[in-house]
């Protein structure tokens, strides 16, 4: 499976209490997954769950979209830099906070970092990104 888009699923976010941790447990490992879209599912939790199963869980992930989930909170974890094939990271409309980790300079393939309406995210972009 190269792409997994769960946005069309009829979740009632109030009733289901959908967490990012639960989704990751269900879908890993998907070694061939290149696109993971979890936008507007009413999820909660930390992005750190994406890498807690180890960097080999999503070795080919190129696009990660968790936008529109204000319950996804906390800092952007250093471990996201282990997703070295990541080209697009969309955290728009999430409750992420803090600064971009210095480890993000390892994301040499990253072409788009979308963080619209993430008022808790502060600080400069890595100098190495040009």
N, C-alpha and C. Protein backbone atom coordinates (compact mmCIF):
# COMPACT_ATOMS: atom_id res chain seq x y z
N UNK A 1 0.84 -1.17 0.00
CA UNK A 1 0.00 0.00 0.00
C UNK A 1 0.89 1.23 0.00
N UNK A 2 0.64 2.10 -0.96
CA UNK A 2 1.47 3.30 -1.07
C UNK A 2 0.80 4.52 -0.45
N UNK A 3 -0.56 4.53 -0.40
CA UNK A 3 -1.25 5.70 0.11
C UNK A 3 -2.38 5.27 1.04
N UNK A 4 -2.51 5.97 2.15
CA UNK A 4 -3.59 5.72 3.10
C UNK A 4 -4.20 7.05 3.48
N UNK A 5 -5.46 7.25 3.07
CA UNK A 5 -6.18 8.50 3.33
C UNK A 5 -7.43 8.14 4.13
N UNK A 6 -7.46 8.53 5.39
CA UNK A 6 -8.58 8.19 6.26
C UNK A 6 -9.57 9.34 6.42
N UNK A 7 -9.42 10.42 5.66
CA UNK A 7 -10.26 11.59 5.87
C UNK A 7 -11.72 11.36 5.53
N UNK A 8 -12.04 10.39 4.69
CA UNK A 8 -13.43 10.15 4.30
C UNK A 8 -14.18 9.25 5.27
N UNK A 9 -13.49 8.71 6.26
CA UNK A 9 -14.17 7.83 7.21
C UNK A 9 -15.12 8.64 8.09
N UNK A 10 -16.29 8.09 8.36
CA UNK A 10 -17.30 8.82 9.13
C UNK A 10 -17.08 8.73 10.64
N UNK A 11 -16.01 9.33 11.12
CA UNK A 11 -15.75 9.33 12.56
C UNK A 11 -16.54 10.42 13.24
N UNK A 12 -17.11 10.10 14.37
CA UNK A 12 -17.69 11.10 15.25
C UNK A 12 -16.63 11.35 16.31
N UNK A 13 -15.85 12.40 16.12
CA UNK A 13 -14.70 12.63 16.98
C UNK A 13 -15.07 12.75 18.46
N UNK A 14 -16.26 13.21 18.76
CA UNK A 14 -16.66 13.32 20.16
C UNK A 14 -16.89 11.94 20.77
N UNK A 15 -17.45 11.04 19.97
CA UNK A 15 -17.79 9.72 20.49
C UNK A 15 -16.60 8.76 20.46
N UNK A 16 -15.79 8.87 19.43
CA UNK A 16 -14.74 7.86 19.23
C UNK A 16 -13.47 8.12 20.03
N UNK A 17 -13.21 9.36 20.40
CA UNK A 17 -11.97 9.72 21.10
C UNK A 17 -10.77 9.12 20.38
N UNK A 18 -10.70 9.42 19.13
CA UNK A 18 -9.67 8.91 18.25
C UNK A 18 -8.32 9.51 18.61
N UNK A 19 -7.34 8.66 18.85
CA UNK A 19 -6.01 9.16 19.17
C UNK A 19 -5.03 8.76 18.09
N UNK A 20 -4.04 9.58 17.91
CA UNK A 20 -3.00 9.30 16.94
C UNK A 20 -2.29 8.00 17.30
N UNK A 21 -2.10 7.76 18.58
CA UNK A 21 -1.43 6.54 19.04
C UNK A 21 -2.19 5.30 18.58
N UNK A 22 -3.52 5.31 18.70
CA UNK A 22 -4.31 4.15 18.30
C UNK A 22 -4.23 3.90 16.80
N UNK A 23 -4.27 4.97 16.01
CA UNK A 23 -4.17 4.81 14.56
C UNK A 23 -2.82 4.23 14.18
N UNK A 24 -1.76 4.75 14.75
CA UNK A 24 -0.42 4.28 14.42
C UNK A 24 -0.25 2.81 14.79
N UNK A 25 -0.79 2.41 15.92
CA UNK A 25 -0.71 1.01 16.33
C UNK A 25 -1.38 0.09 15.31
N UNK A 26 -2.49 0.54 14.75
CA UNK A 26 -3.25 -0.27 13.81
C UNK A 26 -2.56 -0.37 12.45
N UNK A 27 -1.96 0.71 11.99
CA UNK A 27 -1.44 0.72 10.62
C UNK A 27 0.03 0.37 10.49
N UNK A 28 0.78 0.24 11.57
CA UNK A 28 2.20 -0.06 11.43
C UNK A 28 2.43 -1.55 11.56
N UNK A 29 3.48 -2.03 10.95
CA UNK A 29 4.35 -1.31 10.01
C UNK A 29 3.81 -1.40 8.58
N UNK A 30 3.89 -0.33 7.88
CA UNK A 30 3.56 -0.29 6.46
C UNK A 30 4.79 0.24 5.73
N UNK A 31 5.69 -0.65 5.43
CA UNK A 31 6.99 -0.26 4.88
C UNK A 31 6.89 0.46 3.54
N UNK A 32 5.85 0.19 2.76
CA UNK A 32 5.73 0.82 1.44
C UNK A 32 4.88 2.08 1.44
N UNK A 33 4.37 2.46 2.61
CA UNK A 33 3.50 3.63 2.68
C UNK A 33 4.28 4.90 2.35
N UNK A 34 3.77 5.64 1.37
CA UNK A 34 4.41 6.88 0.95
C UNK A 34 3.59 8.11 1.34
N UNK A 35 2.26 7.96 1.42
CA UNK A 35 1.37 9.09 1.72
C UNK A 35 0.43 8.67 2.84
N UNK A 36 0.44 9.44 3.93
CA UNK A 36 -0.45 9.19 5.06
C UNK A 36 -1.24 10.47 5.33
N UNK A 37 -2.55 10.41 5.09
CA UNK A 37 -3.42 11.56 5.28
C UNK A 37 -4.39 11.25 6.41
N UNK A 38 -4.24 11.98 7.49
CA UNK A 38 -5.08 11.84 8.69
C UNK A 38 -5.73 13.18 9.02
N UNK A 39 -6.06 13.94 7.99
CA UNK A 39 -6.57 15.30 8.16
C UNK A 39 -8.00 15.29 8.69
N UNK A 40 -8.28 16.23 9.57
CA UNK A 40 -9.61 16.55 10.08
C UNK A 40 -10.37 15.34 10.62
N UNK A 41 -9.68 14.53 11.38
CA UNK A 41 -10.32 13.36 11.99
C UNK A 41 -10.72 13.60 13.44
N UNK A 42 -10.39 14.76 13.97
CA UNK A 42 -10.69 15.04 15.37
C UNK A 42 -9.78 14.26 16.31
N UNK A 43 -8.58 13.95 15.82
CA UNK A 43 -7.62 13.17 16.62
C UNK A 43 -7.03 14.00 17.73
N UNK A 44 -6.48 13.28 18.71
CA UNK A 44 -5.72 13.92 19.77
C UNK A 44 -4.42 13.15 19.95
N UNK A 45 -3.50 13.76 20.67
CA UNK A 45 -2.24 13.10 20.94
C UNK A 45 -1.05 13.87 20.43
N UNK A 46 0.09 13.23 20.50
CA UNK A 46 1.35 13.85 20.12
C UNK A 46 1.88 13.22 18.83
N UNK A 47 2.56 14.03 18.04
CA UNK A 47 3.19 13.50 16.82
C UNK A 47 4.32 12.52 17.14
N UNK A 48 4.76 12.51 18.36
CA UNK A 48 5.82 11.58 18.76
C UNK A 48 5.40 10.13 18.55
N UNK A 49 4.11 9.85 18.56
CA UNK A 49 3.63 8.48 18.36
C UNK A 49 4.02 7.93 17.00
N UNK A 50 4.23 8.79 16.02
CA UNK A 50 4.59 8.33 14.68
C UNK A 50 5.90 7.58 14.65
N UNK A 51 6.79 7.91 15.53
CA UNK A 51 8.11 7.28 15.50
C UNK A 51 8.38 6.38 16.69
N UNK A 52 7.41 6.24 17.59
CA UNK A 52 7.63 5.40 18.75
C UNK A 52 7.73 3.92 18.40
N UNK A 53 7.21 3.56 17.24
CA UNK A 53 7.32 2.17 16.80
C UNK A 53 8.67 1.92 16.13
N UNK A 54 9.47 2.96 16.02
CA UNK A 54 10.80 2.85 15.41
C UNK A 54 10.84 3.49 14.05
N UNK A 55 12.01 3.89 13.61
CA UNK A 55 12.15 4.58 12.32
C UNK A 55 11.82 3.68 11.13
N UNK A 56 11.81 2.37 11.35
CA UNK A 56 11.52 1.46 10.24
C UNK A 56 10.03 1.29 9.99
N UNK A 57 9.19 1.87 10.83
CA UNK A 57 7.75 1.73 10.66
C UNK A 57 7.26 2.38 9.37
N UNK A 58 7.83 3.50 9.00
CA UNK A 58 7.43 4.23 7.79
C UNK A 58 8.67 4.69 7.02
N UNK A 59 9.50 3.78 6.55
CA UNK A 59 10.77 4.19 5.93
C UNK A 59 10.63 4.95 4.62
N UNK A 60 9.50 4.81 3.95
CA UNK A 60 9.32 5.47 2.65
C UNK A 60 8.31 6.61 2.68
N UNK A 61 7.89 7.01 3.88
CA UNK A 61 6.86 8.04 3.98
C UNK A 61 7.36 9.36 3.40
N UNK A 62 6.62 9.87 2.40
CA UNK A 62 6.99 11.12 1.75
C UNK A 62 6.04 12.26 2.11
N UNK A 63 4.78 11.93 2.42
CA UNK A 63 3.79 12.95 2.76
C UNK A 63 3.07 12.54 4.03
N UNK A 64 3.07 13.46 4.99
CA UNK A 64 2.34 13.26 6.24
C UNK A 64 1.44 14.47 6.44
N UNK A 65 0.13 14.24 6.44
CA UNK A 65 -0.84 15.31 6.61
C UNK A 65 -1.72 14.99 7.81
N UNK A 66 -1.53 15.73 8.88
CA UNK A 66 -2.36 15.60 10.09
C UNK A 66 -3.12 16.90 10.33
N UNK A 67 -3.29 17.69 9.29
CA UNK A 67 -3.90 19.01 9.42
C UNK A 67 -5.34 18.93 9.92
N UNK A 68 -5.76 20.03 10.53
CA UNK A 68 -7.14 20.13 10.98
C UNK A 68 -7.48 19.29 12.20
N UNK A 69 -6.48 18.95 12.98
CA UNK A 69 -6.67 18.18 14.21
C UNK A 69 -6.14 18.99 15.38
N UNK A 70 -6.93 19.94 15.91
CA UNK A 70 -6.43 20.78 16.98
C UNK A 70 -6.06 20.02 18.25
N UNK A 71 -6.53 18.79 18.38
CA UNK A 71 -6.18 17.97 19.54
C UNK A 71 -4.81 17.34 19.44
N UNK A 72 -4.17 17.44 18.27
CA UNK A 72 -2.78 16.97 18.12
C UNK A 72 -1.92 18.11 18.63
N UNK A 73 -1.30 17.89 19.78
CA UNK A 73 -0.62 18.97 20.48
C UNK A 73 0.81 18.60 20.84
N UNK A 74 1.49 19.59 21.39
CA UNK A 74 2.85 19.38 21.86
C UNK A 74 3.86 19.82 20.83
N UNK A 75 5.11 19.66 21.16
CA UNK A 75 6.18 20.08 20.25
C UNK A 75 6.31 19.12 19.07
N UNK A 76 6.90 19.64 18.00
CA UNK A 76 7.27 18.76 16.89
C UNK A 76 8.44 17.92 17.38
N UNK A 77 8.30 16.60 17.39
CA UNK A 77 9.35 15.77 17.98
C UNK A 77 10.59 15.65 17.10
N UNK A 78 11.74 15.61 17.75
CA UNK A 78 13.01 15.41 17.04
C UNK A 78 12.96 14.18 16.16
N UNK A 79 12.25 13.16 16.61
CA UNK A 79 12.24 11.88 15.92
C UNK A 79 11.61 11.95 14.53
N UNK A 80 10.84 13.00 14.23
CA UNK A 80 10.31 13.14 12.88
C UNK A 80 11.44 13.24 11.86
N UNK A 81 12.60 13.67 12.30
CA UNK A 81 13.77 13.77 11.40
C UNK A 81 14.23 12.39 10.94
N UNK A 82 13.77 11.33 11.62
CA UNK A 82 14.10 9.97 11.19
C UNK A 82 13.35 9.58 9.92
N UNK A 83 12.32 10.33 9.59
CA UNK A 83 11.55 10.09 8.37
C UNK A 83 12.26 10.79 7.21
N UNK A 84 13.40 10.28 6.83
CA UNK A 84 14.31 10.97 5.91
C UNK A 84 13.78 11.13 4.49
N UNK A 85 12.72 10.41 4.13
CA UNK A 85 12.13 10.57 2.80
C UNK A 85 10.97 11.56 2.80
N UNK A 86 10.70 12.19 3.94
CA UNK A 86 9.58 13.11 4.06
C UNK A 86 9.78 14.32 3.17
N UNK A 87 8.78 14.58 2.32
CA UNK A 87 8.81 15.74 1.42
C UNK A 87 7.78 16.80 1.81
N UNK A 88 6.65 16.34 2.39
CA UNK A 88 5.58 17.25 2.79
C UNK A 88 5.16 16.90 4.20
N UNK A 89 5.16 17.89 5.07
CA UNK A 89 4.67 17.75 6.43
C UNK A 89 3.64 18.85 6.65
N UNK A 90 2.38 18.45 6.89
CA UNK A 90 1.31 19.43 7.08
C UNK A 90 0.73 19.26 8.47
N UNK A 91 0.98 20.26 9.32
CA UNK A 91 0.44 20.29 10.68
C UNK A 91 -0.51 21.48 10.85
N UNK A 92 -0.98 22.03 9.75
CA UNK A 92 -1.87 23.20 9.79
C UNK A 92 -3.10 22.90 10.65
N UNK A 93 -3.47 23.87 11.47
CA UNK A 93 -4.66 23.73 12.28
C UNK A 93 -4.52 22.74 13.43
N UNK A 94 -3.31 22.37 13.75
CA UNK A 94 -3.06 21.49 14.90
C UNK A 94 -2.59 22.35 16.08
N UNK A 95 -2.54 21.75 17.23
CA UNK A 95 -2.12 22.48 18.41
C UNK A 95 -0.64 22.31 18.71
N UNK A 96 0.18 22.13 17.67
CA UNK A 96 1.61 21.97 17.90
C UNK A 96 2.20 23.27 18.44
N UNK A 97 3.28 23.12 19.20
CA UNK A 97 3.87 24.29 19.83
C UNK A 97 5.39 24.14 19.91
N UNK A 98 6.03 25.20 20.33
CA UNK A 98 7.48 25.18 20.47
C UNK A 98 8.17 25.63 19.20
N UNK A 99 9.43 25.27 19.09
CA UNK A 99 10.23 25.65 17.92
C UNK A 99 10.51 24.43 17.06
N UNK A 100 10.95 24.68 15.86
CA UNK A 100 11.36 23.57 14.99
C UNK A 100 12.61 22.93 15.58
N UNK A 101 12.60 21.62 15.72
CA UNK A 101 13.79 20.96 16.27
C UNK A 101 15.01 21.14 15.36
N UNK A 102 16.16 21.29 15.95
CA UNK A 102 17.40 21.41 15.17
C UNK A 102 17.61 20.17 14.30
N UNK A 103 17.09 19.03 14.74
CA UNK A 103 17.25 17.78 13.99
C UNK A 103 16.56 17.82 12.63
N UNK A 104 15.66 18.77 12.42
CA UNK A 104 14.95 18.85 11.14
C UNK A 104 15.87 19.16 9.97
N UNK A 105 17.10 19.58 10.24
CA UNK A 105 18.05 19.80 9.13
C UNK A 105 18.33 18.48 8.42
N UNK A 106 18.07 17.36 9.08
CA UNK A 106 18.27 16.04 8.45
C UNK A 106 17.21 15.75 7.40
N UNK A 107 16.13 16.52 7.40
CA UNK A 107 15.06 16.31 6.42
C UNK A 107 15.42 16.97 5.09
N UNK A 108 16.41 16.43 4.45
CA UNK A 108 16.93 17.01 3.21
C UNK A 108 15.96 16.94 2.05
N UNK A 109 14.98 16.03 2.11
CA UNK A 109 13.98 15.90 1.05
C UNK A 109 12.77 16.81 1.26
N UNK A 110 12.66 17.41 2.45
CA UNK A 110 11.48 18.21 2.79
C UNK A 110 11.36 19.40 1.84
N UNK A 111 10.22 19.47 1.15
CA UNK A 111 9.94 20.56 0.23
C UNK A 111 8.88 21.51 0.75
N UNK A 112 7.95 20.97 1.57
CA UNK A 112 6.87 21.79 2.09
C UNK A 112 6.65 21.50 3.57
N UNK A 113 6.68 22.54 4.36
CA UNK A 113 6.30 22.46 5.77
C UNK A 113 5.12 23.40 5.93
N UNK A 114 3.94 22.84 6.09
CA UNK A 114 2.73 23.64 6.22
C UNK A 114 2.34 23.70 7.70
N UNK A 115 2.24 24.91 8.20
CA UNK A 115 1.88 25.11 9.61
C UNK A 115 0.95 26.31 9.75
N UNK A 116 -0.05 26.40 8.89
CA UNK A 116 -1.01 27.49 8.92
C UNK A 116 -1.86 27.36 10.18
N UNK A 117 -2.11 28.47 10.84
CA UNK A 117 -2.91 28.51 12.07
C UNK A 117 -2.31 27.67 13.20
N UNK A 118 -1.01 27.69 13.29
CA UNK A 118 -0.30 27.03 14.41
C UNK A 118 0.39 28.12 15.21
N UNK A 119 -0.41 28.86 15.96
CA UNK A 119 0.13 30.02 16.66
C UNK A 119 1.13 29.66 17.75
N UNK A 120 1.13 28.41 18.20
CA UNK A 120 2.08 27.99 19.23
C UNK A 120 3.44 27.62 18.70
N UNK A 121 3.56 27.56 17.37
CA UNK A 121 4.83 27.21 16.74
C UNK A 121 5.61 28.49 16.49
N UNK A 122 6.83 28.55 17.04
CA UNK A 122 7.62 29.77 16.96
C UNK A 122 9.04 29.46 16.54
N UNK A 123 9.80 30.52 16.33
CA UNK A 123 11.22 30.38 16.05
C UNK A 123 11.55 30.38 14.58
N UNK A 124 12.84 30.44 14.28
CA UNK A 124 13.29 30.53 12.90
C UNK A 124 13.34 29.16 12.22
N UNK A 125 13.38 29.21 10.90
CA UNK A 125 13.64 27.99 10.13
C UNK A 125 15.12 27.68 10.22
N UNK A 126 15.48 26.42 10.11
CA UNK A 126 16.91 26.10 10.14
C UNK A 126 17.67 26.84 9.03
N UNK A 127 18.80 27.40 9.36
CA UNK A 127 19.62 28.14 8.41
C UNK A 127 19.99 27.25 7.23
N UNK A 128 20.19 25.98 7.48
CA UNK A 128 20.59 25.03 6.45
C UNK A 128 19.54 24.85 5.36
N UNK A 129 18.30 25.27 5.64
CA UNK A 129 17.24 25.15 4.64
C UNK A 129 17.34 26.26 3.59
N UNK A 130 18.22 27.22 3.83
CA UNK A 130 18.45 28.27 2.84
C UNK A 130 17.44 29.34 2.94
